[in-house]
């Protein structure tokens, strides 16, 4: 596996589930805000990943706050293989669970805030560069 560069985003994130068919509010996407917001609609509900400060107004069925976001520096070519597998394997070996999100250009993993130091240490020990708060 090649050496990856990752960036730890500032602030905490929330992972939430809205009822199936729900439409997330427009204020979940503030103009000019350069943060990750992911919305995935499936038969079991609408999953939202967003900064905790934006999650307050969500009409959720369940939510978990206290996640930290690590993003792989991209863009990543679609022909690359094993990136998420490598990250997941290294974090699993360190006993750190993750929530994965991918965008068109790169991959992201969220880890519980209490596991962030252990996650960063595991990734650095595996030869990756990790920058940020």
N, C-alpha and C. Protein backbone atom coordinates (compact mmCIF):
# COMPACT_ATOMS: atom_id res chain seq x y z
N UNK A 1 0.86 -1.18 0.00
CA UNK A 1 0.00 0.00 0.00
C UNK A 1 0.89 1.23 0.00
N UNK A 2 0.51 2.17 -0.79
CA UNK A 2 1.28 3.42 -0.84
C UNK A 2 1.03 4.24 0.42
N UNK A 3 1.94 5.14 0.67
CA UNK A 3 1.82 6.04 1.82
C UNK A 3 0.73 7.06 1.53
N UNK A 4 -0.20 7.19 2.47
CA UNK A 4 -1.31 8.12 2.31
C UNK A 4 -1.12 9.34 3.19
N UNK A 5 -1.63 10.47 2.74
CA UNK A 5 -1.68 11.67 3.55
C UNK A 5 -3.11 11.85 4.03
N UNK A 6 -3.28 12.03 5.33
CA UNK A 6 -4.60 12.25 5.89
C UNK A 6 -4.62 13.55 6.66
N UNK A 7 -5.81 14.15 6.72
CA UNK A 7 -5.99 15.39 7.46
C UNK A 7 -7.12 15.18 8.46
N UNK A 8 -6.86 15.55 9.72
CA UNK A 8 -7.88 15.49 10.75
C UNK A 8 -8.63 16.83 10.73
N UNK A 9 -9.93 16.77 10.51
CA UNK A 9 -10.74 17.99 10.47
C UNK A 9 -10.95 18.52 11.88
N UNK A 10 -11.09 19.82 11.98
CA UNK A 10 -11.39 20.44 13.27
C UNK A 10 -12.84 20.14 13.64
N UNK A 11 -13.10 20.04 14.92
CA UNK A 11 -14.46 19.88 15.41
C UNK A 11 -14.98 18.46 15.35
N UNK A 12 -16.12 18.29 16.01
CA UNK A 12 -16.75 16.97 16.07
C UNK A 12 -17.85 16.84 15.03
N UNK A 13 -18.11 15.59 14.68
CA UNK A 13 -19.14 15.25 13.71
C UNK A 13 -20.22 14.40 14.37
N UNK A 14 -21.38 14.40 13.75
CA UNK A 14 -22.51 13.58 14.18
C UNK A 14 -22.93 12.67 13.03
N UNK A 15 -23.28 11.44 13.38
CA UNK A 15 -23.86 10.50 12.42
C UNK A 15 -25.31 10.29 12.87
N UNK A 16 -26.26 10.54 11.97
CA UNK A 16 -27.67 10.50 12.34
C UNK A 16 -28.48 9.74 11.29
N UNK A 17 -29.63 9.23 11.74
CA UNK A 17 -30.57 8.60 10.81
C UNK A 17 -31.90 9.33 10.88
N UNK A 18 -32.37 9.76 9.73
CA UNK A 18 -33.69 10.37 9.58
C UNK A 18 -34.63 9.29 9.05
N UNK A 19 -35.92 9.49 9.18
CA UNK A 19 -36.86 8.51 8.64
C UNK A 19 -36.68 8.33 7.13
N UNK A 20 -37.00 7.14 6.63
CA UNK A 20 -36.94 6.88 5.20
C UNK A 20 -37.75 7.93 4.44
N UNK A 21 -37.18 8.45 3.37
CA UNK A 21 -37.86 9.44 2.55
C UNK A 21 -37.77 10.87 3.05
N UNK A 22 -37.17 11.09 4.20
CA UNK A 22 -37.06 12.44 4.76
C UNK A 22 -36.15 13.30 3.87
N UNK A 23 -36.43 14.58 3.85
CA UNK A 23 -35.61 15.53 3.13
C UNK A 23 -34.81 16.34 4.14
N UNK A 24 -33.48 16.27 4.08
CA UNK A 24 -32.68 17.06 5.02
C UNK A 24 -32.93 18.55 4.83
N UNK A 25 -32.90 19.34 5.89
CA UNK A 25 -33.14 20.78 5.77
C UNK A 25 -32.02 21.48 4.99
N UNK A 26 -32.38 22.53 4.30
CA UNK A 26 -31.41 23.28 3.48
C UNK A 26 -30.29 23.87 4.33
N UNK A 27 -30.56 24.21 5.60
CA UNK A 27 -29.51 24.81 6.43
C UNK A 27 -28.45 23.80 6.83
N UNK A 28 -28.59 22.56 6.41
CA UNK A 28 -27.53 21.56 6.61
C UNK A 28 -26.35 21.84 5.68
N UNK A 29 -26.60 22.67 4.66
CA UNK A 29 -25.58 22.99 3.67
C UNK A 29 -25.34 24.49 3.63
N UNK A 30 -24.74 25.07 4.68
CA UNK A 30 -24.55 26.53 4.70
C UNK A 30 -23.60 26.98 3.59
N UNK A 31 -23.99 28.06 2.93
CA UNK A 31 -23.19 28.60 1.82
C UNK A 31 -21.78 28.95 2.29
N UNK A 32 -20.81 28.53 1.51
CA UNK A 32 -19.42 28.86 1.81
C UNK A 32 -18.77 28.01 2.88
N UNK A 33 -19.51 27.12 3.51
CA UNK A 33 -18.94 26.27 4.56
C UNK A 33 -18.20 25.10 3.92
N UNK A 34 -16.93 25.00 4.18
CA UNK A 34 -16.10 23.96 3.57
C UNK A 34 -15.95 22.77 4.51
N UNK A 35 -17.06 22.11 4.82
CA UNK A 35 -17.04 20.94 5.69
C UNK A 35 -17.70 19.78 4.97
N UNK A 36 -17.42 18.58 5.43
CA UNK A 36 -18.05 17.40 4.87
C UNK A 36 -19.47 17.27 5.40
N UNK A 37 -20.41 17.16 4.49
CA UNK A 37 -21.80 16.81 4.82
C UNK A 37 -22.16 15.69 3.84
N UNK A 38 -22.56 14.55 4.37
CA UNK A 38 -22.94 13.42 3.54
C UNK A 38 -24.38 13.04 3.85
N UNK A 39 -25.17 12.85 2.80
CA UNK A 39 -26.56 12.42 2.94
C UNK A 39 -26.75 11.22 2.03
N UNK A 40 -27.17 10.10 2.61
CA UNK A 40 -27.40 8.87 1.84
C UNK A 40 -28.80 8.38 2.15
N UNK A 41 -29.60 8.24 1.11
CA UNK A 41 -30.96 7.75 1.26
C UNK A 41 -31.03 6.29 0.86
N UNK A 42 -31.59 5.47 1.74
CA UNK A 42 -31.74 4.04 1.48
C UNK A 42 -33.07 3.58 2.08
N UNK A 43 -33.40 2.32 1.86
CA UNK A 43 -34.67 1.79 2.34
C UNK A 43 -34.81 1.89 3.86
N UNK A 44 -33.68 1.83 4.57
CA UNK A 44 -33.75 1.85 6.04
C UNK A 44 -33.71 3.25 6.64
N UNK A 45 -33.66 4.27 5.81
CA UNK A 45 -33.66 5.63 6.31
C UNK A 45 -32.67 6.50 5.57
N UNK A 46 -32.56 7.73 6.02
CA UNK A 46 -31.63 8.70 5.44
C UNK A 46 -30.52 8.91 6.45
N UNK A 47 -29.30 8.56 6.06
CA UNK A 47 -28.15 8.73 6.94
C UNK A 47 -27.49 10.06 6.64
N UNK A 48 -27.23 10.82 7.70
CA UNK A 48 -26.59 12.12 7.58
C UNK A 48 -25.32 12.12 8.41
N UNK A 49 -24.23 12.56 7.81
CA UNK A 49 -22.97 12.79 8.51
C UNK A 49 -22.67 14.27 8.34
N UNK A 50 -22.49 14.98 9.46
CA UNK A 50 -22.27 16.42 9.38
C UNK A 50 -21.59 16.92 10.65
N UNK A 51 -21.02 18.11 10.60
CA UNK A 51 -20.50 18.70 11.83
C UNK A 51 -21.62 18.76 12.87
N UNK A 52 -21.29 18.48 14.11
CA UNK A 52 -22.28 18.45 15.18
C UNK A 52 -23.03 19.77 15.29
N UNK A 53 -22.37 20.89 15.02
CA UNK A 53 -23.03 22.20 15.11
C UNK A 53 -24.15 22.33 14.10
N UNK A 54 -24.14 21.55 13.02
CA UNK A 54 -25.19 21.61 12.01
C UNK A 54 -26.30 20.59 12.26
N UNK A 55 -26.07 19.66 13.18
CA UNK A 55 -27.02 18.57 13.41
C UNK A 55 -28.16 18.94 14.35
N UNK A 56 -28.06 20.05 15.02
CA UNK A 56 -29.05 20.42 16.03
C UNK A 56 -30.48 20.45 15.49
N UNK A 57 -30.66 20.92 14.27
CA UNK A 57 -32.00 21.06 13.73
C UNK A 57 -32.54 19.84 13.01
N UNK A 58 -31.80 18.74 13.02
CA UNK A 58 -32.26 17.55 12.31
C UNK A 58 -33.33 16.81 13.11
N UNK A 59 -34.40 16.40 12.44
CA UNK A 59 -35.46 15.60 13.05
C UNK A 59 -35.05 14.14 12.92
N UNK A 60 -34.22 13.67 13.84
CA UNK A 60 -33.61 12.36 13.72
C UNK A 60 -34.35 11.28 14.48
N UNK A 61 -34.21 10.04 14.00
CA UNK A 61 -34.68 8.88 14.74
C UNK A 61 -33.64 8.52 15.79
N UNK A 62 -32.38 8.51 15.39
CA UNK A 62 -31.25 8.26 16.27
C UNK A 62 -30.08 9.11 15.80
N UNK A 63 -29.19 9.40 16.72
CA UNK A 63 -27.98 10.13 16.35
C UNK A 63 -26.86 9.78 17.31
N UNK A 64 -25.64 9.87 16.80
CA UNK A 64 -24.45 9.69 17.62
C UNK A 64 -23.51 10.85 17.33
N UNK A 65 -23.26 11.64 18.35
CA UNK A 65 -22.29 12.72 18.23
C UNK A 65 -20.93 12.19 18.70
N UNK A 66 -19.93 13.04 18.63
CA UNK A 66 -18.62 12.67 19.17
C UNK A 66 -17.71 11.93 18.21
N UNK A 67 -17.88 12.14 16.91
CA UNK A 67 -17.00 11.53 15.92
C UNK A 67 -15.99 12.56 15.44
N UNK A 68 -14.81 12.09 15.05
CA UNK A 68 -13.79 12.94 14.44
C UNK A 68 -13.53 12.44 13.03
N UNK A 69 -13.29 13.37 12.13
CA UNK A 69 -13.15 13.08 10.71
C UNK A 69 -11.70 13.10 10.27
N UNK A 70 -11.28 12.03 9.61
CA UNK A 70 -9.97 11.96 8.97
C UNK A 70 -10.20 11.77 7.47
N UNK A 71 -9.64 12.67 6.67
CA UNK A 71 -9.84 12.63 5.22
C UNK A 71 -8.53 12.34 4.52
N UNK A 72 -8.58 11.44 3.55
CA UNK A 72 -7.40 11.13 2.73
C UNK A 72 -7.23 12.28 1.75
N UNK A 73 -6.01 12.78 1.66
CA UNK A 73 -5.74 13.85 0.69
C UNK A 73 -5.96 13.31 -0.70
N UNK A 74 -6.75 13.99 -1.48
CA UNK A 74 -7.07 13.56 -2.83
C UNK A 74 -6.72 14.65 -3.81
N UNK A 75 -7.17 14.52 -5.02
CA UNK A 75 -8.11 13.51 -5.46
C UNK A 75 -7.45 12.15 -5.69
N UNK A 76 -8.26 11.12 -5.50
CA UNK A 76 -7.82 9.75 -5.72
C UNK A 76 -8.42 9.25 -7.03
N UNK A 77 -7.62 8.59 -7.82
CA UNK A 77 -8.10 8.02 -9.07
C UNK A 77 -8.97 6.81 -8.77
N UNK A 78 -10.03 6.62 -9.55
CA UNK A 78 -10.93 5.50 -9.33
C UNK A 78 -10.25 4.14 -9.53
N UNK A 79 -9.10 4.11 -10.21
CA UNK A 79 -8.42 2.83 -10.44
C UNK A 79 -7.60 2.39 -9.24
N UNK A 80 -7.40 3.27 -8.26
CA UNK A 80 -6.65 2.89 -7.06
C UNK A 80 -7.45 1.87 -6.26
N UNK A 81 -6.77 0.90 -5.72
CA UNK A 81 -7.44 -0.14 -4.94
C UNK A 81 -6.82 -0.25 -3.56
N UNK A 82 -7.61 -0.70 -2.61
CA UNK A 82 -7.10 -1.04 -1.29
C UNK A 82 -6.96 0.11 -0.31
N UNK A 83 -7.36 1.31 -0.68
CA UNK A 83 -7.18 2.45 0.23
C UNK A 83 -8.03 2.28 1.48
N UNK A 84 -9.32 2.09 1.29
CA UNK A 84 -10.20 1.93 2.46
C UNK A 84 -9.86 0.64 3.21
N UNK A 85 -9.50 -0.40 2.49
CA UNK A 85 -9.13 -1.66 3.15
C UNK A 85 -7.90 -1.47 4.04
N UNK A 86 -6.94 -0.72 3.56
CA UNK A 86 -5.73 -0.49 4.35
C UNK A 86 -6.05 0.31 5.60
N UNK A 87 -6.81 1.39 5.44
CA UNK A 87 -7.17 2.20 6.61
C UNK A 87 -7.98 1.40 7.61
N UNK A 88 -8.97 0.68 7.11
CA UNK A 88 -9.83 -0.12 8.00
C UNK A 88 -9.02 -1.20 8.70
N UNK A 89 -8.12 -1.84 8.00
CA UNK A 89 -7.30 -2.90 8.60
C UNK A 89 -6.39 -2.37 9.69
N UNK A 90 -5.77 -1.22 9.42
CA UNK A 90 -4.87 -0.63 10.41
C UNK A 90 -5.64 -0.17 11.65
N UNK A 91 -6.81 0.41 11.44
CA UNK A 91 -7.62 0.85 12.58
C UNK A 91 -8.19 -0.35 13.35
N UNK A 92 -8.62 -1.37 12.63
CA UNK A 92 -9.14 -2.57 13.30
C UNK A 92 -8.06 -3.23 14.16
N UNK A 93 -6.84 -3.30 13.64
CA UNK A 93 -5.75 -3.89 14.40
C UNK A 93 -5.47 -3.11 15.68
N UNK A 94 -5.79 -1.81 15.67
CA UNK A 94 -5.60 -0.97 16.86
C UNK A 94 -6.85 -0.95 17.74
N UNK A 95 -7.89 -1.69 17.35
CA UNK A 95 -9.12 -1.73 18.14
C UNK A 95 -9.98 -0.50 17.99
N UNK A 96 -9.87 0.19 16.86
CA UNK A 96 -10.62 1.42 16.61
C UNK A 96 -11.69 1.14 15.57
N UNK A 97 -12.95 1.35 15.93
CA UNK A 97 -14.02 1.19 14.94
C UNK A 97 -14.13 2.46 14.11
N UNK A 98 -14.73 2.33 12.94
CA UNK A 98 -14.82 3.48 12.05
C UNK A 98 -16.16 3.52 11.36
N UNK A 99 -16.48 4.68 10.84
CA UNK A 99 -17.62 4.90 9.97
C UNK A 99 -17.02 5.49 8.70
N UNK A 100 -17.24 4.84 7.56
CA UNK A 100 -16.60 5.26 6.31
C UNK A 100 -17.55 6.04 5.42
N UNK A 101 -17.00 7.04 4.75
CA UNK A 101 -17.73 7.84 3.77
C UNK A 101 -16.78 8.11 2.61
N UNK A 102 -17.28 7.99 1.41
CA UNK A 102 -16.47 8.33 0.24
C UNK A 102 -17.16 9.43 -0.55
N UNK A 103 -16.34 10.28 -1.16
CA UNK A 103 -16.84 11.30 -2.06
C UNK A 103 -16.25 11.01 -3.44
N UNK A 104 -16.57 11.81 -4.40
CA UNK A 104 -16.06 11.59 -5.75
C UNK A 104 -14.53 11.59 -5.77
N UNK A 105 -13.91 12.46 -4.96
CA UNK A 105 -12.47 12.65 -5.02
C UNK A 105 -11.65 11.90 -3.99
N UNK A 106 -12.27 11.44 -2.90
CA UNK A 106 -11.44 10.85 -1.85
C UNK A 106 -12.26 10.01 -0.89
N UNK A 107 -11.58 9.45 0.10
CA UNK A 107 -12.20 8.65 1.14
C UNK A 107 -12.04 9.34 2.48
N UNK A 108 -12.99 9.10 3.36
CA UNK A 108 -13.00 9.68 4.70
C UNK A 108 -13.34 8.58 5.70
N UNK A 109 -12.75 8.67 6.88
CA UNK A 109 -13.15 7.78 7.97
C UNK A 109 -13.44 8.64 9.19
N UNK A 110 -14.47 8.25 9.90
CA UNK A 110 -14.80 8.89 11.17
C UNK A 110 -14.52 7.89 12.27
N UNK A 111 -13.88 8.37 13.33
CA UNK A 111 -13.61 7.55 14.51
C UNK A 111 -14.17 8.30 15.72
N UNK A 112 -14.53 7.57 16.75
CA UNK A 112 -15.01 8.22 17.96
C UNK A 112 -13.91 9.13 18.51
N UNK A 113 -14.30 10.27 19.05
CA UNK A 113 -13.33 11.26 19.53
C UNK A 113 -12.36 10.65 20.54
N UNK A 114 -12.84 9.78 21.38
CA UNK A 114 -11.98 9.15 22.38
C UNK A 114 -10.95 8.19 21.80
N UNK A 115 -11.14 7.81 20.54
CA UNK A 115 -10.21 6.90 19.85
C UNK A 115 -9.28 7.63 18.90
N UNK A 116 -9.42 8.95 18.78
CA UNK A 116 -8.65 9.68 17.77
C UNK A 116 -7.14 9.51 17.94
N UNK A 117 -6.63 9.67 19.16
CA UNK A 117 -5.18 9.55 19.36
C UNK A 117 -4.68 8.17 18.98
N UNK A 118 -5.43 7.14 19.35
CA UNK A 118 -5.04 5.76 19.02
C UNK A 118 -5.11 5.54 17.51
N UNK A 119 -6.11 6.11 16.86
CA UNK A 119 -6.25 5.98 15.41
C UNK A 119 -5.08 6.65 14.70
N UNK A 120 -4.75 7.87 15.10
CA UNK A 120 -3.63 8.58 14.48
C UNK A 120 -2.34 7.81 14.69
N UNK A 121 -2.10 7.33 15.89
CA UNK A 121 -0.88 6.56 16.18
C UNK A 121 -0.79 5.32 15.29
N UNK A 122 -1.90 4.62 15.11
CA UNK A 122 -1.91 3.42 14.28
C UNK A 122 -1.60 3.75 12.82
N UNK A 123 -2.19 4.82 12.33
CA UNK A 123 -1.97 5.21 10.94
C UNK A 123 -0.53 5.67 10.71
N UNK A 124 0.01 6.44 11.65
CA UNK A 124 1.40 6.90 11.54
C UNK A 124 2.35 5.69 11.61
N UNK A 125 2.07 4.76 12.52
CA UNK A 125 2.92 3.56 12.65
C UNK A 125 2.90 2.73 11.37
N UNK A 126 1.80 2.81 10.62
CA UNK A 126 1.69 2.07 9.35
C UNK A 126 2.35 2.81 8.19
N UNK A 127 2.91 4.01 8.47
CA UNK A 127 3.64 4.74 7.44
C UNK A 127 2.89 5.87 6.78
N UNK A 128 1.70 6.17 7.26
CA UNK A 128 0.92 7.27 6.68
C UNK A 128 1.25 8.58 7.38
N UNK A 129 1.00 9.69 6.68
CA UNK A 129 1.18 11.01 7.28
C UNK A 129 -0.20 11.51 7.74
N UNK A 130 -0.28 12.00 8.96
CA UNK A 130 -1.54 12.53 9.46
C UNK A 130 -1.29 13.94 9.97
N UNK A 131 -2.07 14.90 9.48
CA UNK A 131 -1.92 16.29 9.83
C UNK A 131 -3.24 16.85 10.37
N UNK A 132 -3.16 17.88 11.17
CA UNK A 132 -4.35 18.56 11.62
C UNK A 132 -4.51 18.50 13.12
N UNK A 133 -5.65 19.06 13.56
CA UNK A 133 -5.88 19.20 15.01
C UNK A 133 -5.89 17.87 15.74
